[in-house]
Amino acid sequence: MIAFPQIDPIIFSIGPVAVRWYGLMYLFGFIFAYWLANRMADKKDSGWTREEVSDVLFYGFVGVVAGGRIGYVLFYQTAYFLTNPLYLFEIWSGGMSFHGGLLGVIAALWWFARKTNRKFFQVSDFIAPLVPFGLATGRLGNFINAELWGRTTDMPWGIVFPGGGALPRHPSQLYEFFLEGIVLLVILLLYRRKNPPMGAVSGLFLLGYGGFRFIVEFFREPDAHLGVLNVGLTMGQVLSTPMIIIGAWFMLRAYQKAKS
């Protein structure tokens, strides 16, 4: 059993303005995405310019923030939202959904592709490898905030989280950091080097994230107001299942088109 390290979520504050580790983690993720995207764009025959990289990342940022918030409210706080519609705009109260953010990014990339006369998968294949590191830093932010902890465990690496009771719990944030962040990033970068057909990288991202998230949900504490749903799965697993199916279909379709 490990005691949770005492980490102040606020790095420093100047008057009413506070700089938090959680926000800094997302900034690190964005900086890495910007660096990696420019490096990919600089390669010969990439079909991308640095100016286009800045534009598509801006679209993606807007999509992930708007979609993440809307998704959280609709997927996880539906009843509260119906009685308090303005809760949707209470961003300071916390609450972001990856699956909602993904839908927001998809919408933003579709609009960008249409604006620049590109095919959607040309844009999504370029963006997909940029996402996992941001997921990794976000999960570190969750760990520092001592939130979204795992289920109780008797494993030696179990951690007693503040607010999580006296029993040790799985550090599921770190599981997600490793699988959805680092491992998925490496897989996508290595796969991209093989010059797969258009749409395959996007499909692998959906398949990989959906699969890893489905697995981690067995160790992550379900949301208190939702618990395990009637189908025997958590909300995270229900939302990840279509990602796995659609991702596999995208990959199969991409290779079938390449052969025809």
Protein backbone atom coordinates (compact mmCIF):
# COMPACT_ATOMS: atom_id res chain seq x y z
CA MET A 1 0.00 0.00 0.00
CA ILE A 2 1.31 3.44 -0.97
CA ALA A 3 0.20 6.74 0.49
CA PHE A 4 -0.72 9.33 -2.11
CA PRO A 5 2.08 11.90 -2.39
CA GLN A 6 1.10 15.33 -1.13
CA ILE A 7 1.00 17.35 -4.35
CA ASP A 8 -0.50 20.81 -4.35
CA PRO A 9 -2.63 21.02 -7.53
CA ILE A 10 -1.76 24.74 -7.69
CA ILE A 11 1.82 25.44 -8.79
CA PHE A 12 1.66 29.11 -7.88
CA SER A 13 -0.87 31.91 -7.78
CA ILE A 14 -0.72 35.64 -8.35
CA GLY A 15 -3.73 37.30 -6.79
CA PRO A 16 -6.87 35.58 -8.08
CA VAL A 17 -4.96 33.88 -10.92
CA ALA A 18 -3.74 30.37 -10.17
CA VAL A 19 -1.55 28.18 -12.37
CA ARG A 20 -2.52 24.54 -11.89
CA TRP A 21 -0.67 21.36 -12.76
CA TYR A 22 -3.74 20.07 -14.61
CA GLY A 23 -3.75 23.01 -17.01
CA LEU A 24 0.02 22.82 -17.40
CA MET A 25 -0.24 19.15 -18.39
CA TYR A 26 -2.58 20.02 -21.24
CA LEU A 27 -0.23 22.82 -22.30
CA PHE A 28 2.62 20.29 -22.48
CA GLY A 29 0.41 18.03 -24.60
CA PHE A 30 -0.39 20.86 -27.01
CA ILE A 31 3.27 21.91 -27.29
CA PHE A 32 4.29 18.33 -28.08
CA ALA A 33 1.52 18.03 -30.68
CA TYR A 34 2.67 21.27 -32.31
CA TRP A 35 6.29 20.09 -32.38
CA LEU A 36 5.47 16.64 -33.76
CA ALA A 37 3.04 18.02 -36.35
CA ASN A 38 5.64 20.46 -37.67
CA ARG A 39 8.22 17.71 -37.82
CA MET A 40 5.81 15.54 -39.81
CA ALA A 41 4.92 18.47 -42.10
CA ASP A 42 8.59 19.23 -42.79
CA LYS A 43 9.18 15.81 -44.30
CA LYS A 44 9.42 15.60 -48.08
CA ASP A 45 6.09 15.18 -49.86
CA SER A 46 4.14 15.45 -46.60
CA GLY A 47 1.53 17.61 -48.29
CA TRP A 48 1.38 19.91 -45.26
CA THR A 49 2.81 23.33 -44.44
CA ARG A 50 3.54 24.77 -41.02
CA GLU A 51 0.79 27.35 -41.51
CA GLU A 52 -1.71 24.55 -42.15
CA VAL A 53 -0.46 22.77 -39.03
CA SER A 54 -1.24 25.86 -36.93
CA ASP A 55 -4.71 26.10 -38.47
CA VAL A 56 -5.68 22.46 -38.02
CA LEU A 57 -4.42 22.40 -34.43
CA PHE A 58 -6.52 25.47 -33.66
CA TYR A 59 -9.58 23.75 -35.12
CA GLY A 60 -8.78 20.64 -33.12
CA PHE A 61 -8.32 22.61 -29.90
CA VAL A 62 -11.72 24.25 -30.26
CA GLY A 63 -13.27 20.89 -31.08
CA VAL A 64 -11.80 19.07 -28.10
CA VAL A 65 -12.80 21.76 -25.59
CA ALA A 66 -16.34 22.23 -26.90
CA GLY A 67 -16.95 18.55 -27.56
CA GLY A 68 -15.31 17.45 -24.31
CA ARG A 69 -17.56 19.68 -22.24
CA ILE A 70 -20.76 18.93 -24.13
CA GLY A 71 -19.99 15.21 -24.09
CA TYR A 72 -19.37 15.16 -20.34
CA VAL A 73 -22.61 16.96 -19.61
CA LEU A 74 -24.71 14.79 -21.94
CA PHE A 75 -23.04 11.43 -21.23
CA TYR A 76 -22.43 11.71 -17.49
CA GLN A 77 -24.63 14.51 -16.12
CA THR A 78 -27.78 14.27 -18.23
CA ALA A 79 -30.28 14.45 -15.37
CA TYR A 80 -28.55 17.42 -13.74
CA PHE A 81 -28.28 19.21 -17.08
CA LEU A 82 -32.00 18.83 -17.77
CA THR A 83 -32.80 20.64 -14.53
CA ASN A 84 -29.86 23.09 -14.80
CA PRO A 85 -29.14 23.82 -18.50
CA LEU A 86 -26.62 26.56 -17.65
CA TYR A 87 -24.41 23.84 -16.12
CA LEU A 88 -23.14 23.26 -19.65
CA PHE A 89 -21.27 26.57 -19.46
CA GLU A 90 -19.91 26.11 -15.92
CA ILE A 91 -16.49 25.00 -17.18
CA TRP A 92 -14.86 26.10 -13.93
CA SER A 93 -16.77 23.36 -12.09
CA GLY A 94 -14.80 20.72 -14.01
CA GLY A 95 -15.87 17.84 -16.19
CA MET A 96 -14.55 16.83 -19.62
CA SER A 97 -15.28 13.67 -21.62
CA PHE A 98 -12.73 12.14 -23.97
CA HIS A 99 -15.43 10.57 -26.11
CA GLY A 100 -17.21 13.92 -26.39
CA GLY A 101 -13.92 15.61 -27.18
CA LEU A 102 -13.28 13.02 -29.90
CA LEU A 103 -16.62 13.80 -31.53
CA GLY A 104 -15.81 17.50 -31.31
CA VAL A 105 -12.43 16.95 -32.97
CA ILE A 106 -14.00 14.82 -35.71
CA ALA A 107 -16.44 17.63 -36.47
CA ALA A 108 -13.62 20.20 -36.47
CA LEU A 109 -11.43 18.08 -38.77
CA TRP A 110 -14.33 17.49 -41.14
CA TRP A 111 -14.83 21.25 -41.40
CA PHE A 112 -11.10 21.83 -41.91
CA ALA A 113 -10.94 19.14 -44.60
CA ARG A 114 -13.88 20.70 -46.41
CA LYS A 115 -12.35 24.18 -46.17
CA THR A 116 -8.98 23.03 -47.55
CA ASN A 117 -10.38 20.63 -50.20
CA ARG A 118 -8.84 17.59 -48.55
CA LYS A 119 -10.33 14.21 -47.87
CA PHE A 120 -11.33 13.74 -44.24
CA PHE A 121 -9.01 10.77 -43.71
CA GLN A 122 -6.06 12.73 -45.07
CA VAL A 123 -6.55 15.13 -42.19
CA SER A 124 -7.47 12.58 -39.51
CA ASP A 125 -4.52 10.31 -40.37
CA PHE A 126 -2.19 13.29 -39.89
CA ILE A 127 -3.78 14.29 -36.57
CA ALA A 128 -4.19 10.84 -34.98
CA PRO A 129 -0.53 10.40 -33.84
CA LEU A 130 -0.65 13.83 -32.17
CA VAL A 131 -3.39 12.86 -29.72
CA PRO A 132 -1.94 10.14 -27.41
CA PHE A 133 0.71 12.31 -25.74
CA GLY A 134 -1.98 14.83 -24.85
CA LEU A 135 -4.01 12.00 -23.35
CA ALA A 136 -0.96 10.94 -21.35
CA THR A 137 -0.36 14.39 -19.89
CA GLY A 138 -4.07 14.74 -19.14
CA ARG A 139 -4.03 11.53 -17.12
CA LEU A 140 -1.02 12.76 -15.19
CA GLY A 141 -3.08 15.84 -14.40
CA ASN A 142 -5.87 13.58 -13.12
CA PHE A 143 -3.37 11.75 -10.92
CA ILE A 144 -1.94 14.97 -9.48
CA ASN A 145 -5.50 16.14 -8.75
CA ALA A 146 -6.19 12.79 -7.04
CA GLU A 147 -9.29 12.27 -9.18
CA LEU A 148 -10.70 9.46 -11.33
CA TRP A 149 -8.97 6.89 -9.16
CA GLY A 150 -9.38 3.14 -9.55
CA ARG A 151 -11.26 0.42 -7.72
CA THR A 152 -10.03 -0.95 -4.41
CA THR A 153 -7.18 -3.45 -4.64
CA ASP A 154 -4.83 -5.53 -2.51
CA MET A 155 -1.99 -5.21 -5.03
CA PRO A 156 1.26 -3.81 -3.53
CA TRP A 157 1.11 -0.71 -5.75
CA GLY A 158 -2.37 0.24 -4.55
CA ILE A 159 -2.60 3.89 -3.48
CA VAL A 160 -4.72 5.46 -0.75
CA PHE A 161 -6.17 8.53 -2.47
CA PRO A 162 -7.48 11.58 -0.58
CA GLY A 163 -11.24 11.33 -0.66
CA GLY A 164 -11.07 7.73 -1.84
CA GLY A 165 -11.53 6.12 1.56
CA ALA A 166 -9.07 4.19 3.72
CA LEU A 167 -8.53 1.31 1.30
CA PRO A 168 -5.83 1.33 -1.40
CA ARG A 169 -6.99 1.73 -4.99
CA HIS A 170 -5.63 1.05 -8.45
CA PRO A 171 -3.82 4.12 -9.83
CA SER A 172 -5.93 3.77 -12.98
CA GLN A 173 -4.88 7.25 -14.13
CA LEU A 174 -1.34 5.91 -14.51
CA TYR A 175 -2.59 2.81 -16.32
CA GLU A 176 -4.29 5.12 -18.82
CA PHE A 177 -1.20 7.33 -19.00
CA PHE A 178 0.85 4.33 -20.04
CA LEU A 179 -1.56 2.48 -22.33
CA GLU A 180 -3.68 5.22 -23.95
CA GLY A 181 -0.77 7.64 -23.99
CA ILE A 182 2.72 6.21 -24.32
CA VAL A 183 1.99 2.77 -25.79
CA LEU A 184 -0.59 4.07 -28.27
CA LEU A 185 1.76 6.86 -29.35
CA VAL A 186 4.57 4.40 -30.11
CA ILE A 187 2.22 2.05 -31.97
CA LEU A 188 0.85 4.83 -34.18
CA LEU A 189 4.26 6.31 -35.00
CA LEU A 190 5.72 2.91 -35.91
CA TYR A 191 2.65 1.99 -37.95
CA ARG A 192 2.68 5.30 -39.79
CA ARG A 193 6.23 4.57 -41.00
CA LYS A 194 4.89 1.64 -43.01
CA ASN A 195 2.89 4.03 -45.25
CA PRO A 196 -0.47 2.37 -44.63
CA PRO A 197 -3.46 3.16 -46.88
CA MET A 198 -5.51 6.27 -46.19
CA GLY A 199 -7.82 5.83 -43.22
CA ALA A 200 -5.84 3.01 -41.60
CA VAL A 201 -4.00 5.25 -39.10
CA SER A 202 -7.29 6.80 -37.99
CA GLY A 203 -8.78 3.33 -37.65
CA LEU A 204 -5.85 2.08 -35.59
CA PHE A 205 -6.18 5.06 -33.26
CA LEU A 206 -9.86 4.33 -32.63
CA LEU A 207 -9.20 0.62 -32.22
CA GLY A 208 -6.21 1.14 -29.95
CA TYR A 209 -7.73 3.77 -27.69
CA GLY A 210 -11.07 1.98 -27.49
CA GLY A 211 -9.39 -1.31 -26.61
CA PHE A 212 -7.07 0.15 -23.99
CA ARG A 213 -9.86 2.21 -22.40
CA PHE A 214 -12.16 -0.82 -22.31
CA ILE A 215 -9.48 -2.77 -20.42
CA VAL A 216 -8.63 0.01 -17.96
CA GLU A 217 -12.32 0.45 -17.10
CA PHE A 218 -12.14 -2.89 -15.27
CA PHE A 219 -9.74 -1.21 -12.82
CA ARG A 220 -11.23 2.29 -12.79
CA GLU A 221 -13.90 3.22 -10.25
CA PRO A 222 -17.20 3.77 -12.10
CA ASP A 223 -18.85 7.17 -11.77
CA ALA A 224 -20.79 7.18 -8.49
CA HIS A 225 -24.05 8.37 -10.06
CA LEU A 226 -23.84 5.83 -12.90
CA GLY A 227 -22.04 2.79 -11.50
CA VAL A 228 -22.06 -0.33 -13.67
CA LEU A 229 -24.88 -0.09 -16.21
CA ASN A 230 -27.58 -2.72 -16.74
CA VAL A 231 -25.57 -4.28 -19.57
CA GLY A 232 -22.78 -5.09 -17.10
CA LEU A 233 -20.42 -2.47 -18.48
CA THR A 234 -19.35 0.97 -17.33
CA MET A 235 -20.24 4.06 -19.35
CA GLY A 236 -16.61 4.24 -20.48
CA GLN A 237 -16.84 0.70 -21.88
CA VAL A 238 -20.17 1.39 -23.57
CA LEU A 239 -18.70 4.46 -25.28
CA SER A 240 -15.47 2.64 -26.21
CA THR A 241 -17.16 -0.35 -27.85
CA PRO A 242 -18.24 1.58 -30.98
CA MET A 243 -14.70 2.97 -31.25
CA ILE A 244 -13.29 -0.56 -31.41
CA ILE A 245 -15.82 -1.69 -34.02
CA ILE A 246 -15.56 1.44 -36.17
CA GLY A 247 -11.75 1.48 -35.92
CA ALA A 248 -11.49 -2.12 -37.09
CA TRP A 249 -13.92 -1.37 -39.93
CA PHE A 250 -11.92 1.69 -41.00
CA MET A 251 -8.74 -0.38 -41.19
CA LEU A 252 -10.41 -3.23 -43.11
CA ARG A 253 -12.02 -0.76 -45.51
CA ALA A 254 -8.72 1.07 -46.05
CA TYR A 255 -6.87 -2.11 -47.05
CA GLN A 256 -9.73 -3.31 -49.22
CA LYS A 257 -9.73 -0.02 -51.10
CA ALA A 258 -5.94 -0.17 -51.50
CA LYS A 259 -6.23 -3.61 -53.13
CA SER A 260 -8.99 -2.59 -55.54
